PDB file of N, CA and C in Angstrom:
ATOM      1  N   MET A   1      15.310  -8.440  -5.074  1.00  0.00           N
ATOM      2  CA  MET A   1      14.912  -7.038  -5.098  1.00  0.00           C
ATOM      3  C   MET A   1      15.467  -6.334  -3.864  1.00  0.00           C
ATOM      4  N   MET A   2      15.966  -5.127  -4.064  1.00  0.00           N
ATOM      5  CA  MET A   2      16.500  -4.353  -2.955  1.00  0.00           C
ATOM      6  C   MET A   2      15.357  -3.728  -2.148  1.00  0.00           C
ATOM      7  N   MET A   3      15.545  -3.669  -0.843  1.00  0.00           N
ATOM      8  CA  MET A   3      14.518  -3.046  -0.008  1.00  0.00           C
ATOM      9  C   MET A   3      14.316  -1.596  -0.430  1.00  0.00           C
ATOM     10  N   LEU A   4      13.069  -1.231  -0.595  1.00  0.00           N
ATOM     11  CA  LEU A   4      12.730   0.138  -0.985  1.00  0.00           C
ATOM     12  C   LEU A   4      12.662   1.014   0.261  1.00  0.00           C
ATOM     13  N   SER A   5      13.037   2.274   0.110  1.00  0.00           N
ATOM     14  CA  SER A   5      12.938   3.213   1.229  1.00  0.00           C
ATOM     15  C   SER A   5      11.471   3.562   1.467  1.00  0.00           C
ATOM     16  N   GLN A   6      11.199   4.079   2.646  1.00  0.00           N
ATOM     17  CA  GLN A   6       9.841   4.497   2.980  1.00  0.00           C
ATOM     18  C   GLN A   6       9.333   5.517   1.959  1.00  0.00           C
ATOM     19  N   GLU A   7      10.203   6.442   1.574  1.00  0.00           N
ATOM     20  CA  GLU A   7       9.821   7.485   0.616  1.00  0.00           C
ATOM     21  C   GLU A   7       9.500   6.890  -0.760  1.00  0.00           C
ATOM     22  N   GLN A   8      10.312   5.915  -1.203  1.00  0.00           N
ATOM     23  CA  GLN A   8      10.059   5.264  -2.498  1.00  0.00           C
ATOM     24  C   GLN A   8       8.714   4.547  -2.493  1.00  0.00           C
ATOM     25  N   VAL A   9       8.446   3.840  -1.413  1.00  0.00           N
ATOM     26  CA  VAL A   9       7.188   3.094  -1.314  1.00  0.00           C
ATOM     27  C   VAL A   9       6.013   4.059  -1.248  1.00  0.00           C
ATOM     28  N   LEU A  10       6.143   5.120  -0.468  1.00  0.00           N
ATOM     29  CA  LEU A  10       5.062   6.097  -0.341  1.00  0.00           C
ATOM     30  C   LEU A  10       4.759   6.739  -1.692  1.00  0.00           C
ATOM     31  N   THR A  11       5.783   7.070  -2.453  1.00  0.00           N
ATOM     32  CA  THR A  11       5.592   7.655  -3.785  1.00  0.00           C
ATOM     33  C   THR A  11       4.821   6.689  -4.676  1.00  0.00           C
ATOM     34  N   LYS A  12       5.200   5.428  -4.666  1.00  0.00           N
ATOM     35  CA  LYS A  12       4.534   4.402  -5.470  1.00  0.00           C
ATOM     36  C   LYS A  12       3.084   4.246  -5.028  1.00  0.00           C
ATOM     37  N   LEU A  13       2.868   4.216  -3.729  1.00  0.00           N
ATOM     38  CA  LEU A  13       1.522   4.066  -3.180  1.00  0.00           C
ATOM     39  C   LEU A  13       0.634   5.246  -3.574  1.00  0.00           C
ATOM     40  N   ARG A  14       1.192   6.445  -3.548  1.00  0.00           N
ATOM     41  CA  ARG A  14       0.421   7.628  -3.968  1.00  0.00           C
ATOM     42  C   ARG A  14       0.002   7.510  -5.431  1.00  0.00           C
ATOM     43  N   GLU A  15       0.909   7.012  -6.287  1.00  0.00           N
ATOM     44  CA  GLU A  15       0.562   6.809  -7.704  1.00  0.00           C
ATOM     45  C   GLU A  15      -0.596   5.823  -7.834  1.00  0.00           C
ATOM     46  N   TRP A  16      -0.490   4.708  -7.120  1.00  0.00           N
ATOM     47  CA  TRP A  16      -1.543   3.694  -7.191  1.00  0.00           C
ATOM     48  C   TRP A  16      -2.874   4.242  -6.702  1.00  0.00           C
ATOM     49  N   MET A  17      -2.856   4.983  -5.583  1.00  0.00           N
ATOM     50  CA  MET A  17      -4.097   5.510  -5.012  1.00  0.00           C
ATOM     51  C   MET A  17      -4.769   6.473  -5.989  1.00  0.00           C
ATOM     52  N   GLU A  18      -3.942   7.232  -6.702  1.00  0.00           N
ATOM     53  CA  GLU A  18      -4.495   8.158  -7.686  1.00  0.00           C
ATOM     54  C   GLU A  18      -5.040   7.391  -8.890  1.00  0.00           C
ATOM     55  N   ASP A  19      -4.256   6.442  -9.403  1.00  0.00           N
ATOM     56  CA  ASP A  19      -4.677   5.679 -10.583  1.00  0.00           C
ATOM     57  C   ASP A  19      -5.906   4.822 -10.310  1.00  0.00           C
ATOM     58  N   LEU A  20      -5.892   4.116  -9.200  1.00  0.00           N
ATOM     59  CA  LEU A  20      -6.955   3.154  -8.909  1.00  0.00           C
ATOM     60  C   LEU A  20      -8.207   3.806  -8.339  1.00  0.00           C
ATOM     61  N   PHE A  21      -8.022   4.760  -7.438  1.00  0.00           N
ATOM     62  CA  PHE A  21      -9.155   5.251  -6.652  1.00  0.00           C
ATOM     63  C   PHE A  21      -9.392   6.753  -6.773  1.00  0.00           C
ATOM     64  N   GLU A  22      -8.617   7.417  -7.639  1.00  0.00           N
ATOM     65  CA  GLU A  22      -8.732   8.867  -7.843  1.00  0.00           C
ATOM     66  C   GLU A  22      -8.589   9.645  -6.535  1.00  0.00           C
ATOM     67  N   ILE A  23      -7.656   9.196  -5.703  1.00  0.00           N
ATOM     68  CA  ILE A  23      -7.363   9.885  -4.442  1.00  0.00           C
ATOM     69  C   ILE A  23      -6.182  10.817  -4.685  1.00  0.00           C
ATOM     70  N   GLU A  24      -6.330  12.066  -4.281  1.00  0.00           N
ATOM     71  CA  GLU A  24      -5.259  13.048  -4.462  1.00  0.00           C
ATOM     72  C   GLU A  24      -3.992  12.578  -3.750  1.00  0.00           C
ATOM     73  N   PRO A  25      -2.846  12.584  -4.451  1.00  0.00           N
ATOM     74  CA  PRO A  25      -1.605  12.092  -3.837  1.00  0.00           C
ATOM     75  C   PRO A  25      -1.260  12.782  -2.517  1.00  0.00           C
ATOM     76  N   GLU A  26      -1.521  14.095  -2.437  1.00  0.00           N
ATOM     77  CA  GLU A  26      -1.141  14.796  -1.201  1.00  0.00           C
ATOM     78  C   GLU A  26      -2.025  14.404  -0.012  1.00  0.00           C
ATOM     79  N   SER A  27      -3.161  13.768  -0.267  1.00  0.00           N
ATOM     80  CA  SER A  27      -3.987  13.325   0.867  1.00  0.00           C
ATOM     81  C   SER A  27      -3.544  11.955   1.389  1.00  0.00           C
ATOM     82  N   VAL A  28      -2.616  11.307   0.679  1.00  0.00           N
ATOM     83  CA  VAL A  28      -2.090  10.011   1.117  1.00  0.00           C
ATOM     84  C   VAL A  28      -0.857  10.265   1.989  1.00  0.00           C
ATOM     85  N   GLN A  29      -1.086  10.295   3.298  1.00  0.00           N
ATOM     86  CA  GLN A  29      -0.018  10.526   4.275  1.00  0.00           C
ATOM     87  C   GLN A  29       0.213   9.244   5.065  1.00  0.00           C
ATOM     88  N   LEU A  30       1.379   9.116   5.672  1.00  0.00           N
ATOM     89  CA  LEU A  30       1.698   7.890   6.412  1.00  0.00           C
ATOM     90  C   LEU A  30       0.673   7.572   7.498  1.00  0.00           C
ATOM     91  N   ASP A  31       0.115   8.606   8.126  1.00  0.00           N
ATOM     92  CA  ASP A  31      -0.853   8.357   9.199  1.00  0.00           C
ATOM     93  C   ASP A  31      -2.298   8.316   8.712  1.00  0.00           C
ATOM     94  N   SER A  32      -2.510   8.394   7.388  1.00  0.00           N
ATOM     95  CA  SER A  32      -3.874   8.314   6.852  1.00  0.00           C
ATOM     96  C   SER A  32      -4.428   6.910   7.069  1.00  0.00           C
ATOM     97  N   ASN A  33      -5.661   6.849   7.590  1.00  0.00           N
ATOM     98  CA  ASN A  33      -6.333   5.562   7.719  1.00  0.00           C
ATOM     99  C   ASN A  33      -6.945   5.218   6.365  1.00  0.00           C
ATOM    100  N   LEU A  34      -6.644   4.032   5.871  1.00  0.00           N
ATOM    101  CA  LEU A  34      -7.122   3.639   4.542  1.00  0.00           C
ATOM    102  C   LEU A  34      -8.639   3.682   4.455  1.00  0.00           C
ATOM    103  N   TYR A  35      -9.299   3.257   5.516  1.00  0.00           N
ATOM    104  CA  TYR A  35     -10.739   3.087   5.463  1.00  0.00           C
ATOM    105  C   TYR A  35     -11.495   4.362   5.821  1.00  0.00           C
ATOM    106  N   SER A  36     -11.136   4.993   6.940  1.00  0.00           N
ATOM    107  CA  SER A  36     -11.898   6.173   7.352  1.00  0.00           C
ATOM    108  C   SER A  36     -11.441   7.449   6.655  1.00  0.00           C
ATOM    109  N   ASP A  37     -10.131   7.594   6.401  1.00  0.00           N
ATOM    110  CA  ASP A  37      -9.641   8.833   5.778  1.00  0.00           C
ATOM    111  C   ASP A  37      -9.682   8.779   4.252  1.00  0.00           C
ATOM    112  N   LEU A  38      -9.353   7.627   3.691  1.00  0.00           N
ATOM    113  CA  LEU A  38      -9.200   7.537   2.234  1.00  0.00           C
ATOM    114  C   LEU A  38     -10.337   6.774   1.554  1.00  0.00           C
ATOM    115  N   ASP A  39     -11.293   6.290   2.342  1.00  0.00           N
ATOM    116  CA  ASP A  39     -12.464   5.599   1.777  1.00  0.00           C
ATOM    117  C   ASP A  39     -12.134   4.356   0.962  1.00  0.00           C
ATOM    118  N   VAL A  40     -11.063   3.681   1.318  1.00  0.00           N
ATOM    119  CA  VAL A  40     -10.721   2.419   0.664  1.00  0.00           C
ATOM    120  C   VAL A  40     -11.638   1.349   1.257  1.00  0.00           C
ATOM    121  N   ASP A  41     -12.191   0.487   0.402  1.00  0.00           N
ATOM    122  CA  ASP A  41     -13.009  -0.611   0.922  1.00  0.00           C
ATOM    123  C   ASP A  41     -12.301  -1.939   0.657  1.00  0.00           C
ATOM    124  N   SER A  42     -12.946  -3.040   1.017  1.00  0.00           N
ATOM    125  CA  SER A  42     -12.274  -4.344   0.904  1.00  0.00           C
ATOM    126  C   SER A  42     -11.972  -4.712  -0.546  1.00  0.00           C
ATOM    127  N   ILE A  43     -12.810  -4.297  -1.475  1.00  0.00           N
ATOM    128  CA  ILE A  43     -12.548  -4.567  -2.896  1.00  0.00           C
ATOM    129  C   ILE A  43     -11.343  -3.751  -3.359  1.00  0.00           C
ATOM    130  N   ASP A  44     -11.263  -2.495  -2.911  1.00  0.00           N
ATOM    131  CA  ASP A  44     -10.094  -1.662  -3.224  1.00  0.00           C
ATOM    132  C   ASP A  44      -8.826  -2.291  -2.652  1.00  0.00           C
ATOM    133  N   ALA A  45      -8.937  -2.845  -1.459  1.00  0.00           N
ATOM    134  CA  ALA A  45      -7.774  -3.460  -0.812  1.00  0.00           C
ATOM    135  C   ALA A  45      -7.242  -4.614  -1.659  1.00  0.00           C
ATOM    136  N   VAL A  46      -8.145  -5.365  -2.295  1.00  0.00           N
ATOM    137  CA  VAL A  46      -7.725  -6.452  -3.190  1.00  0.00           C
ATOM    138  C   VAL A  46      -6.925  -5.879  -4.358  1.00  0.00           C
ATOM    139  N   ASP A  47      -7.383  -4.764  -4.917  1.00  0.00           N
ATOM    140  CA  ASP A  47      -6.643  -4.112  -6.009  1.00  0.00           C
ATOM    141  C   ASP A  47      -5.247  -3.701  -5.548  1.00  0.00           C
ATOM    142  N   LEU A  48      -5.152  -3.207  -4.330  1.00  0.00           N
ATOM    143  CA  LEU A  48      -3.850  -2.826  -3.775  1.00  0.00           C
ATOM    144  C   LEU A  48      -2.932  -4.035  -3.637  1.00  0.00           C
ATOM    145  N   VAL A  49      -3.493  -5.143  -3.170  1.00  0.00           N
ATOM    146  CA  VAL A  49      -2.714  -6.371  -3.011  1.00  0.00           C
ATOM    147  C   VAL A  49      -2.162  -6.824  -4.363  1.00  0.00           C
ATOM    148  N   VAL A  50      -2.973  -6.699  -5.421  1.00  0.00           N
ATOM    149  CA  VAL A  50      -2.522  -7.055  -6.775  1.00  0.00           C
ATOM    150  C   VAL A  50      -1.345  -6.172  -7.180  1.00  0.00           C
ATOM    151  N   LYS A  51      -1.437  -4.878  -6.909  1.00  0.00           N
ATOM    152  CA  LYS A  51      -0.350  -3.945  -7.232  1.00  0.00           C
ATOM    153  C   LYS A  51       0.926  -4.296  -6.458  1.00  0.00           C
ATOM    154  N   ILE A  52       0.760  -4.654  -5.198  1.00  0.00           N
ATOM    155  CA  ILE A  52       1.917  -5.030  -4.381  1.00  0.00           C
ATOM    156  C   ILE A  52       2.579  -6.277  -4.965  1.00  0.00           C
ATOM    157  N   LYS A  53       1.758  -7.235  -5.402  1.00  0.00           N
ATOM    158  CA  LYS A  53       2.316  -8.453  -6.005  1.00  0.00           C
ATOM    159  C   LYS A  53       3.075  -8.112  -7.284  1.00  0.00           C
ATOM    160  N   GLU A  54       2.509  -7.211  -8.105  1.00  0.00           N
ATOM    161  CA  GLU A  54       3.194  -6.801  -9.338  1.00  0.00           C
ATOM    162  C   GLU A  54       4.545  -6.156  -9.018  1.00  0.00           C
ATOM    163  N   LEU A  55       4.576  -5.331  -7.968  1.00  0.00           N
ATOM    164  CA  LEU A  55       5.804  -4.634  -7.596  1.00  0.00           C
ATOM    165  C   LEU A  55       6.862  -5.590  -7.040  1.00  0.00           C
ATOM    166  N   THR A  56       6.436  -6.483  -6.153  1.00  0.00           N
ATOM    167  CA  THR A  56       7.398  -7.319  -5.429  1.00  0.00           C
ATOM    168  C   THR A  56       7.632  -8.678  -6.080  1.00  0.00           C
ATOM    169  N   GLY A  57       6.697  -9.101  -6.924  1.00  0.00           N
ATOM    170  CA  GLY A  57       6.782 -10.440  -7.495  1.00  0.00           C
ATOM    171  C   GLY A  57       6.409 -11.521  -6.496  1.00  0.00           C
ATOM    172  N   LYS A  58       5.829 -11.115  -5.366  1.00  0.00           N
ATOM    173  CA  LYS A  58       5.467 -12.071  -4.317  1.00  0.00           C
ATOM    174  C   LYS A  58       3.995 -11.932  -3.965  1.00  0.00           C
ATOM    175  N   GLN A  59       3.439 -13.045  -3.522  1.00  0.00           N
ATOM    176  CA  GLN A  59       2.057 -13.068  -3.050  1.00  0.00           C
ATOM    177  C   GLN A  59       2.005 -12.428  -1.662  1.00  0.00           C
ATOM    178  N   VAL A  60       1.040 -11.554  -1.446  1.00  0.00           N
ATOM    179  CA  VAL A  60       0.854 -10.970  -0.118  1.00  0.00           C
ATOM    180  C   VAL A  60       0.130 -12.001   0.741  1.00  0.00           C
ATOM    181  N   LYS A  61       0.692 -12.310   1.891  1.00  0.00           N
ATOM    182  CA  LYS A  61       0.037 -13.260   2.794  1.00  0.00           C
ATOM    183  C   LYS A  61      -1.147 -12.554   3.460  1.00  0.00           C
ATOM    184  N   PRO A  62      -2.316 -13.207   3.468  1.00  0.00           N
ATOM    185  CA  PRO A  62      -3.494 -12.568   4.078  1.00  0.00           C
ATOM    186  C   PRO A  62      -3.234 -12.092   5.503  1.00  0.00           C
ATOM    187  N   GLU A  63      -2.454 -12.875   6.269  1.00  0.00           N
ATOM    188  CA  GLU A  63      -2.202 -12.465   7.658  1.00  0.00           C
ATOM    189  C   GLU A  63      -1.353 -11.196   7.731  1.00  0.00           C
ATOM    190  N   ASP A  64      -0.549 -10.945   6.692  1.00  0.00           N
ATOM    191  CA  ASP A  64       0.250  -9.716   6.665  1.00  0.00           C
ATOM    192  C   ASP A  64      -0.621  -8.496   6.388  1.00  0.00           C
ATOM    193  N   PHE A  65      -1.742  -8.727   5.719  1.00  0.00           N
ATOM    194  CA  PHE A  65      -2.543  -7.585   5.283  1.00  0.00           C
ATOM    195  C   PHE A  65      -3.789  -7.362   6.132  1.00  0.00           C
ATOM    196  N   LYS A  66      -4.180  -8.371   6.919  1.00  0.00           N
ATOM    197  CA  LYS A  66      -5.454  -8.221   7.632  1.00  0.00           C
ATOM    198  C   LYS A  66      -5.410  -7.166   8.735  1.00  0.00           C
ATOM    199  N   ASN A  67      -4.215  -6.868   9.253  1.00  0.00           N
ATOM    200  CA  ASN A  67      -4.113  -5.852  10.307  1.00  0.00           C
ATOM    201  C   ASN A  67      -3.746  -4.470   9.768  1.00  0.00           C
ATOM    202  N   VAL A  68      -3.682  -4.354   8.461  1.00  0.00           N
ATOM    203  CA  VAL A  68      -3.328  -3.079   7.840  1.00  0.00           C
ATOM    204  C   VAL A  68      -4.474  -2.086   8.027  1.00  0.00           C
ATOM    205  N   ARG A  69      -4.138  -0.922   8.575  1.00  0.00           N
ATOM    206  CA  ARG A  69      -5.147   0.131   8.773  1.00  0.00           C
ATOM    207  C   ARG A  69      -4.711   1.455   8.148  1.00  0.00           C
ATOM    208  N   THR A  70      -3.416   1.723   8.209  1.00  0.00           N
ATOM    209  CA  THR A  70      -2.926   3.024   7.757  1.00  0.00           C
ATOM    210  C   THR A  70      -2.016   2.867   6.545  1.00  0.00           C
ATOM    211  N   VAL A  71      -1.718   3.990   5.933  1.00  0.00           N
ATOM    212  CA  VAL A  71      -0.779   4.008   4.813  1.00  0.00           C
ATOM    213  C   VAL A  71       0.581   3.483   5.283  1.00  0.00           C
ATOM    214  N   LEU A  72       1.002   3.870   6.481  1.00  0.00           N
ATOM    215  CA  LEU A  72       2.278   3.374   7.017  1.00  0.00           C
ATOM    216  C   LEU A  72       2.280   1.847   7.116  1.00  0.00           C
ATOM    217  N   ASP A  73       1.146   1.255   7.502  1.00  0.00           N
ATOM    218  CA  ASP A  73       1.058  -0.211   7.572  1.00  0.00           C
ATOM    219  C   ASP A  73       1.323  -0.834   6.200  1.00  0.00           C
ATOM    220  N   VAL A  74       0.752  -0.248   5.154  1.00  0.00           N
ATOM    221  CA  VAL A  74       0.959  -0.761   3.791  1.00  0.00           C
ATOM    222  C   VAL A  74       2.427  -0.610   3.401  1.00  0.00           C
ATOM    223  N   VAL A  75       2.988   0.557   3.697  1.00  0.00           N
ATOM    224  CA  VAL A  75       4.401   0.818   3.387  1.00  0.00           C
ATOM    225  C   VAL A  75       5.283  -0.226   4.077  1.00  0.00           C
ATOM    226  N   THR A  76       4.995  -0.526   5.335  1.00  0.00           N
ATOM    227  CA  THR A  76       5.781  -1.496   6.097  1.00  0.00           C
ATOM    228  C   THR A  76       5.685  -2.890   5.481  1.00  0.00           C
ATOM    229  N   VAL A  77       4.478  -3.303   5.085  1.00  0.00           N
ATOM    230  CA  VAL A  77       4.297  -4.612   4.434  1.00  0.00           C
ATOM    231  C   VAL A  77       5.154  -4.682   3.171  1.00  0.00           C
ATOM    232  N   ILE A  78       5.108  -3.625   2.353  1.00  0.00           N
ATOM    233  CA  ILE A  78       5.872  -3.616   1.099  1.00  0.00           C
ATOM    234  C   ILE A  78       7.371  -3.636   1.393  1.00  0.00           C
ATOM    235  N   GLN A  79       7.809  -2.838   2.361  1.00  0.00           N
ATOM    236  CA  GLN A  79       9.240  -2.824   2.710  1.00  0.00           C
ATOM    237  C   GLN A  79       9.701  -4.202   3.184  1.00  0.00           C
ATOM    238  N   ASN A  80       8.896  -4.854   4.005  1.00  0.00           N
ATOM    239  CA  ASN A  80       9.256  -6.184   4.499  1.00  0.00           C
ATOM    240  C   ASN A  80       9.333  -7.186   3.355  1.00  0.00           C
ATOM    241  N   MET A  81       8.406  -7.080   2.410  1.00  0.00           N
ATOM    242  CA  MET A  81       8.400  -8.008   1.273  1.00  0.00           C
ATOM    243  C   MET A  81       9.600  -7.777   0.361  1.00  0.00           C
ATOM    244  N   THR A  82      10.018  -6.527   0.196  1.00  0.00           N
ATOM    245  CA  THR A  82      11.158  -6.258  -0.681  1.00  0.00           C
ATOM    246  C   THR A  82      12.479  -6.558   0.013  1.00  0.00           C
ATOM    247  N   ALA A  83      12.443  -6.696   1.338  1.00  0.00           N
ATOM    248  CA  ALA A  83      13.669  -6.991   2.088  1.00  0.00           C
ATOM    249  C   ALA A  83      13.964  -8.489   2.130  1.00  0.00           C
ATOM    250  N   GLU A  84      12.943  -9.311   1.886  1.00  0.00           N
ATOM    251  CA  GLU A  84      13.105 -10.778   1.987  1.00  0.00           C
ATOM    252  C   GLU A  84      13.978 -11.319   0.881  1.00  0.00           C
TER     253      GLU A  84
END
């Protein structure tokens, strides 16, 4: 898989946030905190990990995701996974 651009990943993430959690796409910004700004909880995070696996075909390593706090962090994890 070719590495996705930040914009491509952000667009995909906005779709997922809207589909899964009914979060308005325009409120999903790179500096948005998943937990305090977007009200994502640990169960929601599992749903996100499933979506990332579907997109990349790879298992997300727990250590890659445990420090994720912002939308940019998620984008970076996805970009790194698609670059491997």
